Amino acid sequence: MKYPRKLSSGSNNTVIVISDAEVAKLFIGDTRSEIGSEAEKMQFSNTVNNLVVKFVRLDYNEILQAEMLVMERIHPIDFRAYETEIRQLWLDIFEDELKQLHEAGFVHRDLRRPSNIGGLAFDNVLLTHTGLRLIDVGISALQKQVGDKIFEKYIEIENKEMAAFSEYFRNR
């Protein structure tokens, strides 16, 4: 289906622009993710710090016949225009905020996309005028939902992805 003001598409959902300040992730039919769970994880992370895109509301679009997860609109900038010293500062803050999320019981789980999924390797990490931000919490997990053992495994994997992102971000 063709969507008005389409911003991006993932493997299961499309994101459209609502306004200069808001975007919506559309949930139509069986999207293999649940809107309420995604909203809950986003809201949880937003109580910890500002690393994850801000949850705004859940809504329904009659014209598109779609449930919508409405979020703040992020305007990314190209990190390659900045010196490596500035990039390192952004990385340090990003790592601190990611650690805060982990300690609070949230893991993103999608810093680095699997190689069989289209897009760039680190599409879910965006540089903005306020620093690095995370989008797409679709497969993220809360420790209270998955338990300690699984959560620790997710953290271990995410820490490896963070090391790869750090190398990419500093040296590209």
N, C-alpha and C. Protein backbone atom coordinates (compact mmCIF):
# COMPACT_ATOMS: atom_id res chain seq x y z
N MET A 1 0.85 -1.18 0.00
CA MET A 1 0.00 0.00 0.00
C MET A 1 0.89 1.25 0.00
N LYS A 2 0.45 2.26 -0.69
CA LYS A 2 1.17 3.52 -0.74
C LYS A 2 0.64 4.41 0.38
N TYR A 3 1.57 4.96 1.19
CA TYR A 3 1.18 5.77 2.33
C TYR A 3 1.55 7.23 2.10
N PRO A 4 0.70 8.14 2.57
CA PRO A 4 1.04 9.56 2.45
C PRO A 4 2.16 9.90 3.42
N ARG A 5 3.09 10.74 3.00
CA ARG A 5 4.17 11.25 3.83
C ARG A 5 5.00 10.13 4.48
N LYS A 6 5.25 9.08 3.71
CA LYS A 6 6.04 7.94 4.19
C LYS A 6 7.46 8.40 4.50
N LEU A 7 7.94 8.02 5.66
CA LEU A 7 9.29 8.37 6.07
C LEU A 7 10.23 7.18 5.91
N SER A 8 9.78 6.00 6.36
CA SER A 8 10.59 4.79 6.24
C SER A 8 9.72 3.56 6.37
N SER A 9 10.29 2.43 6.01
CA SER A 9 9.62 1.14 6.18
C SER A 9 10.60 0.15 6.74
N GLY A 10 10.12 -0.66 7.66
CA GLY A 10 10.91 -1.75 8.20
C GLY A 10 10.39 -3.05 7.64
N SER A 11 10.78 -4.14 8.25
CA SER A 11 10.34 -5.44 7.76
C SER A 11 8.85 -5.68 8.03
N ASN A 12 8.27 -4.99 9.03
CA ASN A 12 6.87 -5.22 9.37
C ASN A 12 5.99 -3.97 9.39
N ASN A 13 6.59 -2.81 9.51
CA ASN A 13 5.80 -1.59 9.69
C ASN A 13 6.33 -0.46 8.82
N THR A 14 5.47 0.55 8.64
CA THR A 14 5.83 1.77 7.93
C THR A 14 5.68 2.94 8.89
N VAL A 15 6.57 3.93 8.76
CA VAL A 15 6.50 5.14 9.57
C VAL A 15 6.15 6.30 8.64
N ILE A 16 5.14 7.07 9.06
CA ILE A 16 4.71 8.23 8.27
C ILE A 16 4.85 9.49 9.11
N VAL A 17 4.98 10.61 8.41
CA VAL A 17 5.05 11.92 9.07
C VAL A 17 3.63 12.39 9.35
N ILE A 18 3.40 12.83 10.57
CA ILE A 18 2.11 13.43 10.93
C ILE A 18 2.23 14.95 10.91
N SER A 19 3.35 15.46 11.46
CA SER A 19 3.60 16.90 11.51
C SER A 19 5.10 17.12 11.64
N ASP A 20 5.51 18.37 11.78
CA ASP A 20 6.93 18.66 11.98
C ASP A 20 7.44 18.07 13.29
N ALA A 21 6.53 17.81 14.23
CA ALA A 21 6.94 17.33 15.54
C ALA A 21 6.64 15.85 15.79
N GLU A 22 5.80 15.22 14.94
CA GLU A 22 5.37 13.85 15.21
C GLU A 22 5.43 12.95 13.99
N VAL A 23 5.74 11.67 14.25
CA VAL A 23 5.64 10.61 13.25
C VAL A 23 4.80 9.50 13.85
N ALA A 24 4.34 8.58 13.00
CA ALA A 24 3.54 7.46 13.48
C ALA A 24 4.01 6.17 12.84
N LYS A 25 4.22 5.16 13.65
CA LYS A 25 4.49 3.82 13.18
C LYS A 25 3.13 3.15 13.00
N LEU A 26 2.87 2.68 11.78
CA LEU A 26 1.57 2.10 11.46
C LEU A 26 1.54 0.62 11.78
N PHE A 27 0.47 0.18 12.38
CA PHE A 27 0.22 -1.22 12.67
C PHE A 27 -1.04 -1.62 11.92
N ILE A 28 -0.85 -2.38 10.83
CA ILE A 28 -1.97 -2.80 9.99
C ILE A 28 -1.93 -4.31 9.88
N GLY A 29 -3.03 -4.97 10.24
CA GLY A 29 -3.07 -6.42 10.16
C GLY A 29 -2.05 -7.07 11.09
N ASP A 30 -1.53 -8.20 10.69
CA ASP A 30 -0.55 -8.93 11.48
C ASP A 30 0.83 -8.37 11.19
N THR A 31 1.33 -7.52 12.08
CA THR A 31 2.63 -6.90 11.88
C THR A 31 3.74 -7.63 12.63
N ARG A 32 3.41 -8.71 13.30
CA ARG A 32 4.35 -9.50 14.08
C ARG A 32 4.91 -8.76 15.29
N SER A 33 4.33 -7.62 15.60
CA SER A 33 4.66 -6.94 16.84
C SER A 33 3.37 -6.36 17.39
N GLU A 34 3.36 -6.09 18.65
CA GLU A 34 2.13 -5.67 19.31
C GLU A 34 2.29 -4.22 19.75
N ILE A 35 1.37 -3.38 19.36
CA ILE A 35 1.47 -1.95 19.59
C ILE A 35 1.54 -1.60 21.07
N GLY A 36 0.77 -2.28 21.89
CA GLY A 36 0.76 -1.98 23.32
C GLY A 36 2.09 -2.31 23.99
N SER A 37 2.67 -3.43 23.61
CA SER A 37 3.96 -3.83 24.16
C SER A 37 5.05 -2.84 23.75
N GLU A 38 5.02 -2.45 22.49
CA GLU A 38 6.02 -1.49 22.02
C GLU A 38 5.87 -0.15 22.72
N ALA A 39 4.63 0.30 22.89
CA ALA A 39 4.39 1.55 23.60
C ALA A 39 4.87 1.47 25.04
N GLU A 40 4.62 0.34 25.70
CA GLU A 40 5.05 0.16 27.09
C GLU A 40 6.57 0.24 27.22
N LYS A 41 7.28 -0.41 26.31
CA LYS A 41 8.75 -0.40 26.37
C LYS A 41 9.30 1.00 26.10
N MET A 42 8.66 1.71 25.17
CA MET A 42 9.09 3.06 24.87
C MET A 42 8.85 3.98 26.06
N GLN A 43 7.67 3.87 26.67
CA GLN A 43 7.35 4.69 27.83
C GLN A 43 8.30 4.39 28.98
N PHE A 44 8.60 3.12 29.21
CA PHE A 44 9.52 2.74 30.28
C PHE A 44 10.88 3.39 30.06
N SER A 45 11.42 3.26 28.86
CA SER A 45 12.74 3.83 28.58
C SER A 45 12.73 5.35 28.72
N ASN A 46 11.62 5.99 28.36
CA ASN A 46 11.51 7.44 28.47
C ASN A 46 11.54 7.92 29.92
N THR A 47 11.19 7.06 30.87
CA THR A 47 11.27 7.45 32.28
C THR A 47 12.70 7.40 32.80
N VAL A 48 13.58 6.69 32.09
CA VAL A 48 14.97 6.53 32.53
C VAL A 48 15.84 7.68 32.03
N ASN A 49 15.78 7.95 30.73
CA ASN A 49 16.56 9.04 30.13
C ASN A 49 15.98 9.38 28.76
N ASN A 50 16.69 10.19 28.00
CA ASN A 50 16.19 10.66 26.70
C ASN A 50 16.80 9.94 25.52
N LEU A 51 17.37 8.77 25.73
CA LEU A 51 18.06 8.07 24.65
C LEU A 51 17.09 7.55 23.58
N VAL A 52 15.98 7.00 24.00
CA VAL A 52 15.00 6.41 23.07
C VAL A 52 14.00 7.49 22.65
N VAL A 53 13.62 7.44 21.37
CA VAL A 53 12.62 8.37 20.84
C VAL A 53 11.43 8.45 21.80
N LYS A 54 10.87 9.65 21.94
CA LYS A 54 9.79 9.89 22.90
C LYS A 54 8.45 9.36 22.41
N PHE A 55 7.78 8.62 23.29
CA PHE A 55 6.41 8.17 23.07
C PHE A 55 5.49 9.37 23.24
N VAL A 56 4.51 9.51 22.32
CA VAL A 56 3.54 10.60 22.43
C VAL A 56 2.16 10.05 22.79
N ARG A 57 1.65 9.11 21.97
CA ARG A 57 0.31 8.55 22.24
C ARG A 57 0.06 7.38 21.30
N LEU A 58 -0.99 6.64 21.59
CA LEU A 58 -1.53 5.65 20.66
C LEU A 58 -2.75 6.30 20.01
N ASP A 59 -2.96 5.99 18.73
CA ASP A 59 -4.05 6.63 18.01
C ASP A 59 -4.54 5.66 16.94
N TYR A 60 -5.60 6.05 16.25
CA TYR A 60 -6.13 5.25 15.15
C TYR A 60 -6.42 6.17 13.98
N ASN A 61 -5.98 5.80 12.78
CA ASN A 61 -6.22 6.58 11.57
C ASN A 61 -7.32 5.89 10.77
N GLU A 62 -8.48 6.52 10.71
CA GLU A 62 -9.64 5.95 10.01
C GLU A 62 -9.38 5.78 8.52
N ILE A 63 -8.73 6.76 7.91
CA ILE A 63 -8.50 6.71 6.47
C ILE A 63 -7.59 5.53 6.11
N LEU A 64 -6.51 5.36 6.85
CA LEU A 64 -5.58 4.27 6.58
C LEU A 64 -5.99 2.95 7.22
N GLN A 65 -7.01 3.00 8.10
CA GLN A 65 -7.45 1.83 8.84
C GLN A 65 -6.25 1.21 9.58
N ALA A 66 -5.54 2.07 10.31
CA ALA A 66 -4.30 1.65 10.95
C ALA A 66 -4.22 2.14 12.39
N GLU A 67 -3.78 1.24 13.26
CA GLU A 67 -3.39 1.65 14.61
C GLU A 67 -2.06 2.39 14.46
N MET A 68 -1.85 3.42 15.29
CA MET A 68 -0.64 4.22 15.16
C MET A 68 0.05 4.40 16.51
N LEU A 69 1.35 4.15 16.52
CA LEU A 69 2.20 4.47 17.65
C LEU A 69 2.83 5.82 17.31
N VAL A 70 2.35 6.88 17.95
CA VAL A 70 2.81 8.23 17.63
C VAL A 70 4.01 8.58 18.51
N MET A 71 5.07 9.08 17.87
CA MET A 71 6.32 9.41 18.54
C MET A 71 6.78 10.79 18.12
N GLU A 72 7.77 11.30 18.86
CA GLU A 72 8.39 12.55 18.43
C GLU A 72 9.08 12.32 17.09
N ARG A 73 9.14 13.36 16.30
CA ARG A 73 9.87 13.27 15.04
C ARG A 73 11.32 13.67 15.28
N ILE A 74 12.23 12.81 14.87
CA ILE A 74 13.66 13.07 15.02
C ILE A 74 14.21 13.46 13.65
N HIS A 75 15.01 14.51 13.64
CA HIS A 75 15.65 14.98 12.41
C HIS A 75 17.14 14.64 12.50
N PRO A 76 17.56 13.55 11.87
CA PRO A 76 18.97 13.14 11.98
C PRO A 76 19.91 14.04 11.18
N ILE A 77 21.14 14.08 11.66
CA ILE A 77 22.19 14.80 10.96
C ILE A 77 23.34 13.83 10.68
N ASP A 78 24.18 14.18 9.74
CA ASP A 78 25.29 13.30 9.33
C ASP A 78 26.48 13.49 10.26
N PHE A 79 26.83 12.45 10.98
CA PHE A 79 27.92 12.52 11.95
C PHE A 79 29.28 12.71 11.29
N ARG A 80 29.38 12.37 10.01
CA ARG A 80 30.68 12.47 9.33
C ARG A 80 31.14 13.91 9.15
N ALA A 81 30.28 14.88 9.41
CA ALA A 81 30.65 16.29 9.30
C ALA A 81 31.34 16.80 10.57
N TYR A 82 31.47 15.93 11.59
CA TYR A 82 32.03 16.34 12.87
C TYR A 82 33.34 15.63 13.16
N GLU A 83 34.22 16.32 13.86
CA GLU A 83 35.53 15.79 14.21
C GLU A 83 35.40 14.57 15.11
N THR A 84 36.40 13.73 15.05
CA THR A 84 36.35 12.49 15.84
C THR A 84 36.31 12.78 17.34
N GLU A 85 36.88 13.88 17.79
CA GLU A 85 36.83 14.22 19.23
C GLU A 85 35.40 14.48 19.68
N ILE A 86 34.63 15.15 18.83
CA ILE A 86 33.23 15.41 19.16
C ILE A 86 32.43 14.11 19.10
N ARG A 87 32.72 13.29 18.10
CA ARG A 87 32.05 11.99 18.01
C ARG A 87 32.32 11.16 19.26
N GLN A 88 33.54 11.19 19.77
CA GLN A 88 33.88 10.42 20.96
C GLN A 88 33.08 10.91 22.16
N LEU A 89 32.89 12.20 22.28
CA LEU A 89 32.06 12.75 23.36
C LEU A 89 30.63 12.23 23.25
N TRP A 90 30.07 12.27 22.03
CA TRP A 90 28.70 11.76 21.84
C TRP A 90 28.64 10.27 22.19
N LEU A 91 29.67 9.52 21.80
CA LEU A 91 29.71 8.09 22.10
C LEU A 91 29.75 7.84 23.61
N ASP A 92 30.56 8.62 24.32
CA ASP A 92 30.65 8.45 25.77
C ASP A 92 29.29 8.66 26.43
N ILE A 93 28.59 9.70 26.01
CA ILE A 93 27.25 9.97 26.56
C ILE A 93 26.29 8.85 26.18
N PHE A 94 26.34 8.43 24.92
CA PHE A 94 25.47 7.35 24.44
C PHE A 94 25.70 6.08 25.25
N GLU A 95 26.95 5.71 25.47
CA GLU A 95 27.26 4.51 26.25
C GLU A 95 26.76 4.64 27.68
N ASP A 96 26.92 5.81 28.29
CA ASP A 96 26.42 6.03 29.65
C ASP A 96 24.90 5.89 29.71
N GLU A 97 24.21 6.47 28.73
CA GLU A 97 22.75 6.39 28.73
C GLU A 97 22.26 4.98 28.44
N LEU A 98 22.96 4.27 27.56
CA LEU A 98 22.59 2.88 27.28
C LEU A 98 22.77 2.03 28.54
N LYS A 99 23.85 2.28 29.26
CA LYS A 99 24.09 1.55 30.52
C LYS A 99 23.00 1.87 31.55
N GLN A 100 22.55 3.12 31.60
CA GLN A 100 21.45 3.49 32.50
C GLN A 100 20.19 2.69 32.16
N LEU A 101 19.91 2.56 30.86
CA LEU A 101 18.73 1.79 30.45
C LEU A 101 18.88 0.33 30.87
N HIS A 102 20.07 -0.24 30.66
CA HIS A 102 20.32 -1.63 31.05
C HIS A 102 20.12 -1.81 32.56
N GLU A 103 20.68 -0.90 33.34
CA GLU A 103 20.56 -0.99 34.80
C GLU A 103 19.12 -0.86 35.27
N ALA A 104 18.31 -0.12 34.51
CA ALA A 104 16.89 0.06 34.85
C ALA A 104 16.04 -1.12 34.41
N GLY A 105 16.59 -1.99 33.52
CA GLY A 105 15.83 -3.15 33.08
C GLY A 105 15.31 -3.08 31.66
N PHE A 106 15.95 -2.29 30.80
CA PHE A 106 15.56 -2.15 29.38
C PHE A 106 16.76 -2.46 28.51
N VAL A 107 16.55 -3.26 27.45
CA VAL A 107 17.60 -3.52 26.46
C VAL A 107 16.98 -3.32 25.08
N HIS A 108 17.66 -2.59 24.22
CA HIS A 108 17.13 -2.23 22.90
C HIS A 108 17.08 -3.43 21.94
N ARG A 109 18.16 -4.21 21.89
CA ARG A 109 18.28 -5.45 21.11
C ARG A 109 18.39 -5.26 19.60
N ASP A 110 18.53 -4.02 19.11
CA ASP A 110 18.60 -3.84 17.67
C ASP A 110 19.52 -2.68 17.29
N LEU A 111 20.65 -2.56 18.01
CA LEU A 111 21.62 -1.53 17.63
C LEU A 111 22.18 -1.86 16.25
N ARG A 112 22.53 -3.12 16.06
CA ARG A 112 23.07 -3.57 14.78
C ARG A 112 22.08 -4.52 14.13
N ARG A 113 21.64 -4.16 12.95
CA ARG A 113 20.67 -5.00 12.24
C ARG A 113 21.32 -6.32 11.81
N PRO A 114 20.55 -7.39 11.83
CA PRO A 114 21.06 -8.64 11.27
C PRO A 114 21.37 -8.45 9.79
N SER A 115 22.34 -9.17 9.29
CA SER A 115 22.80 -8.98 7.91
C SER A 115 21.74 -9.34 6.87
N ASN A 116 20.73 -10.09 7.25
CA ASN A 116 19.70 -10.47 6.28
C ASN A 116 18.53 -9.48 6.22
N ILE A 117 18.64 -8.37 6.97
CA ILE A 117 17.61 -7.34 6.96
C ILE A 117 18.16 -6.14 6.22
N GLY A 118 17.35 -5.57 5.33
CA GLY A 118 17.80 -4.44 4.53
C GLY A 118 18.11 -3.21 5.35
N GLY A 119 18.76 -2.24 4.74
CA GLY A 119 19.12 -1.01 5.42
C GLY A 119 20.57 -1.03 5.88
N LEU A 120 20.98 0.05 6.49
CA LEU A 120 22.34 0.14 6.99
C LEU A 120 22.47 -0.59 8.33
N ALA A 121 23.68 -0.99 8.67
CA ALA A 121 23.92 -1.80 9.87
C ALA A 121 23.41 -1.13 11.14
N PHE A 122 23.54 0.19 11.25
CA PHE A 122 23.17 0.88 12.49
C PHE A 122 22.05 1.91 12.24
N ASP A 123 21.05 1.53 11.46
CA ASP A 123 19.92 2.40 11.12
C ASP A 123 19.13 2.90 12.32
N ASN A 124 19.17 2.19 13.42
CA ASN A 124 18.36 2.55 14.57
C ASN A 124 19.06 3.49 15.54
N VAL A 125 20.28 3.91 15.22
CA VAL A 125 21.02 4.89 16.02
C VAL A 125 21.17 6.14 15.15
N LEU A 126 20.57 7.23 15.60
CA LEU A 126 20.59 8.47 14.82
C LEU A 126 21.28 9.59 15.60
N LEU A 127 22.05 10.39 14.89
CA LEU A 127 22.64 11.58 15.50
C LEU A 127 21.68 12.74 15.28
N THR A 128 21.37 13.45 16.36
CA THR A 128 20.53 14.64 16.30
C THR A 128 21.31 15.80 16.90
N HIS A 129 20.72 16.97 16.89
CA HIS A 129 21.38 18.14 17.48
C HIS A 129 21.53 18.01 18.99
N THR A 130 20.85 17.06 19.60
CA THR A 130 20.99 16.83 21.05
C THR A 130 21.83 15.61 21.36
N GLY A 131 22.39 14.96 20.35
CA GLY A 131 23.23 13.78 20.56
C GLY A 131 22.65 12.55 19.90
N LEU A 132 23.24 11.40 20.21
CA LEU A 132 22.78 10.13 19.64
C LEU A 132 21.47 9.71 20.27
N ARG A 133 20.59 9.15 19.44
CA ARG A 133 19.27 8.70 19.89
C ARG A 133 18.96 7.34 19.29
N LEU A 134 18.11 6.59 19.95
CA LEU A 134 17.67 5.27 19.48
C LEU A 134 16.22 5.35 19.00
N ILE A 135 15.95 4.67 17.90
CA ILE A 135 14.59 4.52 17.41
C ILE A 135 14.27 3.03 17.33
N ASP A 136 13.02 2.71 17.09
CA ASP A 136 12.53 1.35 16.85
C ASP A 136 12.80 0.39 18.01
N VAL A 137 11.89 0.40 18.95
CA VAL A 137 12.00 -0.48 20.12
C VAL A 137 11.20 -1.77 19.93
N GLY A 138 10.87 -2.10 18.68
CA GLY A 138 10.02 -3.26 18.39
C GLY A 138 10.46 -4.56 19.02
N ILE A 139 11.75 -4.88 18.98
CA ILE A 139 12.20 -6.15 19.57
C ILE A 139 12.92 -5.94 20.90
N SER A 140 12.84 -4.73 21.45
CA SER A 140 13.48 -4.49 22.74
C SER A 140 12.81 -5.35 23.81
N ALA A 141 13.44 -5.38 24.97
CA ALA A 141 12.91 -6.22 26.04
C ALA A 141 13.03 -5.53 27.39
N LEU A 142 12.08 -5.81 28.25
CA LEU A 142 12.13 -5.37 29.63
C LEU A 142 12.50 -6.57 30.49
N GLN A 143 13.38 -6.36 31.42
CA GLN A 143 13.85 -7.44 32.29
C GLN A 143 12.68 -8.11 33.01
N LYS A 144 11.71 -7.32 33.44
CA LYS A 144 10.56 -7.88 34.16
C LYS A 144 9.72 -8.81 33.29
N GLN A 145 9.84 -8.67 31.96
CA GLN A 145 9.08 -9.52 31.05
C GLN A 145 9.81 -10.79 30.67
N VAL A 146 11.15 -10.73 30.57
CA VAL A 146 11.91 -11.89 30.08
C VAL A 146 12.71 -12.61 31.14
N GLY A 147 12.83 -12.02 32.32
CA GLY A 147 13.59 -12.65 33.40
C GLY A 147 15.08 -12.33 33.31
N ASP A 148 15.77 -12.61 34.40
CA ASP A 148 17.17 -12.23 34.54
C ASP A 148 18.11 -12.93 33.56
N LYS A 149 17.93 -14.23 33.37
CA LYS A 149 18.86 -15.00 32.55
C LYS A 149 18.82 -14.55 31.08
N ILE A 150 17.64 -14.43 30.52
CA ILE A 150 17.50 -13.99 29.13
C ILE A 150 17.95 -12.54 29.00
N PHE A 151 17.57 -11.71 29.96
CA PHE A 151 17.95 -10.30 29.91
C PHE A 151 19.47 -10.14 29.89
N GLU A 152 20.17 -10.89 30.72
CA GLU A 152 21.64 -10.81 30.75
C GLU A 152 22.25 -11.25 29.43
N LYS A 153 21.66 -12.23 28.78
CA LYS A 153 22.13 -12.65 27.46
C LYS A 153 21.94 -11.53 26.44
N TYR A 154 20.79 -10.87 26.49
CA TYR A 154 20.54 -9.75 25.60
C TYR A 154 21.54 -8.61 25.83
N ILE A 155 21.86 -8.36 27.09
CA ILE A 155 22.84 -7.31 27.42
C ILE A 155 24.21 -7.67 26.84
N GLU A 156 24.59 -8.92 26.98
CA GLU A 156 25.88 -9.38 26.45
C GLU A 156 25.96 -9.14 24.94
N ILE A 157 24.91 -9.48 24.23
CA ILE A 157 24.87 -9.28 22.77
C ILE A 157 24.89 -7.78 22.45
N GLU A 158 24.10 -6.99 23.18
CA GLU A 158 24.04 -5.56 22.91
C GLU A 158 25.39 -4.88 23.18
N ASN A 159 26.11 -5.33 24.20
CA ASN A 159 27.43 -4.76 24.47
C ASN A 159 28.39 -5.02 23.32
N LYS A 160 28.29 -6.18 22.68
CA LYS A 160 29.11 -6.47 21.50
C LYS A 160 28.70 -5.58 20.33
N GLU A 161 27.39 -5.37 20.17
CA GLU A 161 26.92 -4.48 19.11
C GLU A 161 27.38 -3.05 19.37
N MET A 162 27.41 -2.66 20.65
CA MET A 162 27.86 -1.31 21.01
C MET A 162 29.33 -1.13 20.65
N ALA A 163 30.14 -2.12 20.88
CA ALA A 163 31.57 -2.05 20.53
C ALA A 163 31.73 -1.89 19.02
N ALA A 164 30.94 -2.61 18.25
CA ALA A 164 31.00 -2.49 16.79
C ALA A 164 30.52 -1.11 16.34
N PHE A 165 29.45 -0.61 16.97
CA PHE A 165 28.95 0.72 16.63
C PHE A 165 29.99 1.79 16.96
N SER A 166 30.63 1.67 18.09
CA SER A 166 31.64 2.62 18.51
C SER A 166 32.76 2.72 17.47
N GLU A 167 33.22 1.58 17.02
CA GLU A 167 34.26 1.54 15.99
C GLU A 167 33.78 2.19 14.70
N TYR A 168 32.59 1.86 14.29
CA TYR A 168 31.99 2.43 13.07
C TYR A 168 31.84 3.94 13.18
N PHE A 169 31.29 4.40 14.27
CA PHE A 169 30.96 5.82 14.46
C PHE A 169 32.23 6.68 14.55
N ARG A 170 33.23 6.20 15.22
CA ARG A 170 34.48 6.96 15.38
C ARG A 170 35.31 7.01 14.10
N ASN A 171 35.27 5.95 13.31
CA ASN A 171 36.22 5.80 12.23
C ASN A 171 35.66 5.90 10.81
N ARG A 172 34.40 6.13 10.68
CA ARG A 172 33.84 6.19 9.33
C ARG A 172 34.09 7.53 8.70
